[in-house]
Amino acid sequence: MKEYTSTKEIVNIVKEVLEADDFRYFLNEEHGVFEFVKKIKCKIQWIRYLISVEEGKVSVYGLCPVVPDYKDGLQYQGFIVCGKIHIK
């Protein structure tokens, strides 16, 4: 497996993957952070992703709403799903 050490090289790979799947994303080049939303057909409805590229690693964060049934009288709640992928 090839080693990726350059932040710019990793950013370019992430761009290629997102563009290959037709994701519309925003890239904050100063901080190396990608941001995009993926709509899904279920109760969650969408996931907002943040991909942070740092030297030698990529961190992926996902934020998705959880909408409870209103018949239970519950208000809107949310949670964050986080994961890290280290590229060496």
N, C-alpha and C. Protein backbone atom coordinates (compact mmCIF):
# COMPACT_ATOMS: atom_id res chain seq x y z
N MET A 1 0.83 -1.18 0.00
CA MET A 1 0.00 0.00 0.00
C MET A 1 0.88 1.24 0.00
N LYS A 2 0.53 2.21 -0.82
CA LYS A 2 1.31 3.44 -0.94
C LYS A 2 1.14 4.33 0.29
N GLU A 3 2.22 4.96 0.70
CA GLU A 3 2.17 5.91 1.80
C GLU A 3 1.90 7.31 1.27
N TYR A 4 0.98 8.01 1.96
CA TYR A 4 0.67 9.39 1.60
C TYR A 4 1.09 10.27 2.77
N THR A 5 2.06 11.11 2.53
CA THR A 5 2.54 11.97 3.61
C THR A 5 2.22 13.43 3.37
N SER A 6 2.05 13.82 2.14
CA SER A 6 1.78 15.21 1.81
C SER A 6 0.30 15.52 2.01
N THR A 7 0.01 16.56 2.76
CA THR A 7 -1.37 16.98 2.98
C THR A 7 -2.04 17.31 1.65
N LYS A 8 -1.31 17.96 0.77
CA LYS A 8 -1.87 18.33 -0.54
C LYS A 8 -2.23 17.07 -1.34
N GLU A 9 -1.40 16.05 -1.24
CA GLU A 9 -1.67 14.79 -1.94
C GLU A 9 -2.94 14.13 -1.41
N ILE A 10 -3.11 14.15 -0.09
CA ILE A 10 -4.30 13.57 0.52
C ILE A 10 -5.54 14.38 0.14
N VAL A 11 -5.45 15.70 0.15
CA VAL A 11 -6.57 16.56 -0.24
C VAL A 11 -7.00 16.23 -1.67
N ASN A 12 -6.05 16.05 -2.56
CA ASN A 12 -6.37 15.73 -3.95
C ASN A 12 -7.07 14.38 -4.08
N ILE A 13 -6.68 13.41 -3.28
CA ILE A 13 -7.34 12.10 -3.30
C ILE A 13 -8.78 12.21 -2.81
N VAL A 14 -8.99 12.95 -1.72
CA VAL A 14 -10.35 13.15 -1.20
C VAL A 14 -11.20 13.86 -2.25
N LYS A 15 -10.65 14.87 -2.91
CA LYS A 15 -11.38 15.58 -3.99
C LYS A 15 -11.79 14.60 -5.08
N GLU A 16 -10.87 13.75 -5.51
CA GLU A 16 -11.16 12.77 -6.57
C GLU A 16 -12.31 11.85 -6.18
N VAL A 17 -12.30 11.37 -4.95
CA VAL A 17 -13.35 10.46 -4.49
C VAL A 17 -14.70 11.18 -4.46
N LEU A 18 -14.74 12.38 -3.90
CA LEU A 18 -15.99 13.13 -3.82
C LEU A 18 -16.53 13.48 -5.21
N GLU A 19 -15.65 13.89 -6.09
CA GLU A 19 -16.07 14.27 -7.44
C GLU A 19 -16.51 13.05 -8.25
N ALA A 20 -15.88 11.90 -8.02
CA ALA A 20 -16.26 10.69 -8.74
C ALA A 20 -17.68 10.26 -8.38
N ASP A 21 -18.10 10.55 -7.14
CA ASP A 21 -19.46 10.21 -6.70
C ASP A 21 -20.42 11.40 -6.80
N ASP A 22 -20.02 12.44 -7.50
CA ASP A 22 -20.85 13.64 -7.73
C ASP A 22 -21.31 14.34 -6.46
N PHE A 23 -20.48 14.35 -5.43
CA PHE A 23 -20.80 15.10 -4.23
C PHE A 23 -20.50 16.57 -4.46
N ARG A 24 -21.40 17.42 -4.03
CA ARG A 24 -21.13 18.86 -4.05
C ARG A 24 -20.57 19.19 -2.67
N TYR A 25 -19.36 19.69 -2.66
CA TYR A 25 -18.68 19.91 -1.39
C TYR A 25 -18.08 21.31 -1.35
N PHE A 26 -17.79 21.75 -0.14
CA PHE A 26 -17.07 22.99 0.10
C PHE A 26 -15.74 22.61 0.72
N LEU A 27 -14.67 23.21 0.23
CA LEU A 27 -13.34 22.94 0.77
C LEU A 27 -12.77 24.22 1.37
N ASN A 28 -12.49 24.20 2.65
CA ASN A 28 -11.79 25.28 3.31
C ASN A 28 -10.31 24.95 3.19
N GLU A 29 -9.66 25.52 2.19
CA GLU A 29 -8.26 25.17 1.90
C GLU A 29 -7.30 25.59 3.00
N GLU A 30 -7.63 26.65 3.71
CA GLU A 30 -6.76 27.12 4.78
C GLU A 30 -6.66 26.08 5.91
N HIS A 31 -7.78 25.41 6.20
CA HIS A 31 -7.81 24.44 7.30
C HIS A 31 -7.81 22.99 6.82
N GLY A 32 -7.93 22.78 5.51
CA GLY A 32 -7.95 21.42 4.97
C GLY A 32 -9.19 20.64 5.36
N VAL A 33 -10.36 21.32 5.35
CA VAL A 33 -11.60 20.69 5.77
C VAL A 33 -12.61 20.70 4.62
N PHE A 34 -13.13 19.51 4.30
CA PHE A 34 -14.20 19.36 3.33
C PHE A 34 -15.53 19.31 4.10
N GLU A 35 -16.58 19.85 3.49
CA GLU A 35 -17.89 19.80 4.10
C GLU A 35 -18.92 19.49 3.01
N PHE A 36 -19.80 18.52 3.28
CA PHE A 36 -20.87 18.21 2.34
C PHE A 36 -22.00 17.49 3.06
N VAL A 37 -23.16 17.43 2.39
CA VAL A 37 -24.35 16.79 2.96
C VAL A 37 -24.76 15.64 2.06
N LYS A 38 -25.12 14.53 2.67
CA LYS A 38 -25.62 13.36 1.94
C LYS A 38 -27.06 13.11 2.40
N LYS A 39 -28.02 13.21 1.47
CA LYS A 39 -29.41 12.94 1.79
C LYS A 39 -29.66 11.44 1.67
N ILE A 40 -30.42 10.92 2.62
CA ILE A 40 -30.74 9.49 2.61
C ILE A 40 -32.24 9.32 2.87
N LYS A 41 -32.79 8.22 2.38
CA LYS A 41 -34.22 7.97 2.51
C LYS A 41 -34.49 7.08 3.72
N CYS A 42 -34.57 7.71 4.87
CA CYS A 42 -34.93 7.02 6.10
C CYS A 42 -35.24 8.08 7.14
N LYS A 43 -35.44 7.66 8.37
CA LYS A 43 -35.81 8.61 9.43
C LYS A 43 -34.73 9.65 9.68
N ILE A 44 -33.48 9.29 9.45
CA ILE A 44 -32.38 10.24 9.67
C ILE A 44 -32.43 11.39 8.67
N GLN A 45 -32.78 11.15 7.42
CA GLN A 45 -32.99 12.11 6.35
C GLN A 45 -31.70 12.64 5.71
N TRP A 46 -30.70 12.97 6.49
CA TRP A 46 -29.45 13.48 5.92
C TRP A 46 -28.31 13.34 6.91
N ILE A 47 -27.10 13.35 6.37
CA ILE A 47 -25.89 13.34 7.19
C ILE A 47 -24.98 14.46 6.68
N ARG A 48 -24.53 15.28 7.57
CA ARG A 48 -23.57 16.35 7.23
C ARG A 48 -22.19 15.83 7.58
N TYR A 49 -21.31 15.78 6.58
CA TYR A 49 -19.96 15.27 6.78
C TYR A 49 -18.93 16.39 6.83
N LEU A 50 -17.96 16.22 7.69
CA LEU A 50 -16.77 17.07 7.73
C LEU A 50 -15.58 16.12 7.61
N ILE A 51 -14.73 16.38 6.64
CA ILE A 51 -13.52 15.58 6.46
C ILE A 51 -12.33 16.51 6.67
N SER A 52 -11.57 16.23 7.70
CA SER A 52 -10.42 17.06 8.05
C SER A 52 -9.14 16.34 7.62
N VAL A 53 -8.34 17.02 6.81
CA VAL A 53 -7.09 16.45 6.33
C VAL A 53 -5.94 17.13 7.06
N GLU A 54 -5.17 16.31 7.76
CA GLU A 54 -4.00 16.79 8.47
C GLU A 54 -2.81 16.00 7.97
N GLU A 55 -1.64 16.36 8.42
CA GLU A 55 -0.44 15.68 7.94
C GLU A 55 -0.48 14.20 8.28
N GLY A 56 -0.59 13.38 7.24
CA GLY A 56 -0.55 11.94 7.40
C GLY A 56 -1.83 11.26 7.84
N LYS A 57 -2.95 12.01 7.99
CA LYS A 57 -4.19 11.37 8.41
C LYS A 57 -5.41 12.15 7.92
N VAL A 58 -6.52 11.43 7.91
CA VAL A 58 -7.80 12.00 7.54
C VAL A 58 -8.78 11.67 8.66
N SER A 59 -9.52 12.67 9.14
CA SER A 59 -10.55 12.45 10.15
C SER A 59 -11.90 12.72 9.50
N VAL A 60 -12.86 11.82 9.72
CA VAL A 60 -14.19 11.96 9.13
C VAL A 60 -15.19 12.08 10.26
N TYR A 61 -16.01 13.13 10.20
CA TYR A 61 -17.05 13.36 11.20
C TYR A 61 -18.39 13.43 10.48
N GLY A 62 -19.41 12.83 11.07
CA GLY A 62 -20.74 12.89 10.51
C GLY A 62 -21.73 13.38 11.54
N LEU A 63 -22.59 14.31 11.16
CA LEU A 63 -23.62 14.84 12.04
C LEU A 63 -24.96 14.52 11.40
N CYS A 64 -25.82 13.85 12.14
CA CYS A 64 -27.12 13.52 11.59
C CYS A 64 -28.20 13.75 12.63
N PRO A 65 -29.35 14.24 12.19
CA PRO A 65 -30.45 14.48 13.12
C PRO A 65 -31.19 13.18 13.43
N VAL A 66 -31.72 13.11 14.61
CA VAL A 66 -32.61 12.01 14.96
C VAL A 66 -33.93 12.67 15.34
N VAL A 67 -34.96 12.38 14.58
CA VAL A 67 -36.26 13.00 14.81
C VAL A 67 -37.18 11.93 15.42
N PRO A 68 -37.50 12.07 16.69
CA PRO A 68 -38.37 11.08 17.33
C PRO A 68 -39.81 11.25 16.85
N ASP A 69 -40.62 10.25 17.11
CA ASP A 69 -42.04 10.36 16.80
C ASP A 69 -42.65 11.42 17.70
N TYR A 70 -43.37 12.36 17.10
CA TYR A 70 -43.95 13.45 17.89
C TYR A 70 -45.14 13.00 18.72
N LYS A 71 -45.69 11.85 18.42
CA LYS A 71 -46.80 11.35 19.24
C LYS A 71 -46.35 11.05 20.67
N ASP A 72 -45.06 10.87 20.84
CA ASP A 72 -44.51 10.64 22.18
C ASP A 72 -44.26 11.94 22.93
N GLY A 73 -44.47 13.07 22.28
CA GLY A 73 -44.28 14.36 22.92
C GLY A 73 -42.82 14.74 23.08
N LEU A 74 -41.93 14.09 22.35
CA LEU A 74 -40.51 14.39 22.47
C LEU A 74 -40.13 15.53 21.53
N GLN A 75 -39.15 16.30 21.93
CA GLN A 75 -38.66 17.36 21.08
C GLN A 75 -37.49 16.85 20.25
N TYR A 76 -37.07 17.67 19.31
CA TYR A 76 -35.96 17.34 18.41
C TYR A 76 -34.71 16.99 19.21
N GLN A 77 -34.06 15.91 18.82
CA GLN A 77 -32.80 15.51 19.43
C GLN A 77 -31.80 15.29 18.32
N GLY A 78 -30.54 15.27 18.65
CA GLY A 78 -29.51 15.00 17.66
C GLY A 78 -28.34 14.28 18.29
N PHE A 79 -27.54 13.69 17.45
CA PHE A 79 -26.33 13.06 17.94
C PHE A 79 -25.25 13.16 16.88
N ILE A 80 -24.02 12.94 17.28
CA ILE A 80 -22.88 13.03 16.37
C ILE A 80 -22.23 11.66 16.28
N VAL A 81 -21.98 11.26 15.05
CA VAL A 81 -21.25 10.02 14.81
C VAL A 81 -19.85 10.41 14.36
N CYS A 82 -18.84 9.94 15.03
CA CYS A 82 -17.48 10.31 14.69
C CYS A 82 -16.63 9.08 14.42
N GLY A 83 -15.72 9.23 13.52
CA GLY A 83 -14.76 8.17 13.23
C GLY A 83 -13.48 8.77 12.72
N LYS A 84 -12.42 8.05 12.88
CA LYS A 84 -11.13 8.53 12.36
C LYS A 84 -10.51 7.45 11.50
N ILE A 85 -9.94 7.90 10.42
CA ILE A 85 -9.20 7.03 9.54
C ILE A 85 -7.78 7.59 9.47
N HIS A 86 -6.82 6.78 9.78
CA HIS A 86 -5.43 7.24 9.72
C HIS A 86 -4.77 6.65 8.48
N ILE A 87 -4.25 7.52 7.66
CA ILE A 87 -3.52 7.08 6.47
C ILE A 87 -2.04 7.24 6.76
N LYS A 88 -1.32 6.16 6.64
CA LYS A 88 0.11 6.23 6.92
C LYS A 88 0.90 5.93 5.67
